Amino acid sequence: MDYDWNGTRTRRLTRLKVSVCFAITSAAAWGIWHLMI
């Protein structure tokens, strides 16, 4: 039970980190793209 719960929690945190990193990367790319134009 504990192992499954930890696994689920870890997966959720990883997905959250990926979403945050993707949002920051896309925002930075968008800003750079507009600065170059």
Protein backbone atom coordinates (compact mmCIF):
# COMPACT_ATOMS: atom_id res chain seq x y z
CA MET A 1 0.00 0.00 0.00
CA ASP A 2 2.72 2.46 0.98
CA TYR A 3 4.80 1.56 -2.07
CA ASP A 4 1.88 2.15 -4.46
CA TRP A 5 0.99 5.43 -2.75
CA ASN A 6 4.58 6.66 -2.97
CA GLY A 7 4.80 5.60 -6.60
CA THR A 8 1.59 7.46 -7.45
CA ARG A 9 2.73 10.55 -5.56
CA THR A 10 6.14 10.49 -7.25
CA ARG A 11 4.53 10.18 -10.68
CA ARG A 12 2.25 13.13 -9.95
CA LEU A 13 5.18 15.28 -8.79
CA THR A 14 7.20 14.30 -11.86
CA ARG A 15 4.31 15.18 -14.16
CA LEU A 16 3.92 18.51 -12.35
CA LYS A 17 7.63 19.28 -12.73
CA VAL A 18 7.49 18.39 -16.43
CA SER A 19 4.47 20.68 -16.92
CA VAL A 20 6.21 23.56 -15.12
CA CYS A 21 9.46 23.07 -17.07
CA PHE A 22 7.53 22.90 -20.34
CA ALA A 23 5.60 26.09 -19.50
CA ILE A 24 8.82 27.96 -18.61
CA THR A 25 10.61 26.70 -21.71
CA SER A 26 7.75 27.61 -24.06
CA ALA A 27 7.37 31.04 -22.43
CA ALA A 28 11.12 31.69 -22.77
CA ALA A 29 11.11 30.52 -26.40
CA TRP A 30 8.10 32.75 -27.13
CA GLY A 31 9.82 35.77 -25.53
CA ILE A 32 13.10 35.16 -27.40
CA TRP A 33 11.23 34.68 -30.68
CA HIS A 34 9.46 38.03 -30.25
CA LEU A 35 12.68 39.79 -29.21
CA MET A 36 14.44 38.56 -32.36
CA ILE A 37 11.57 39.84 -34.51
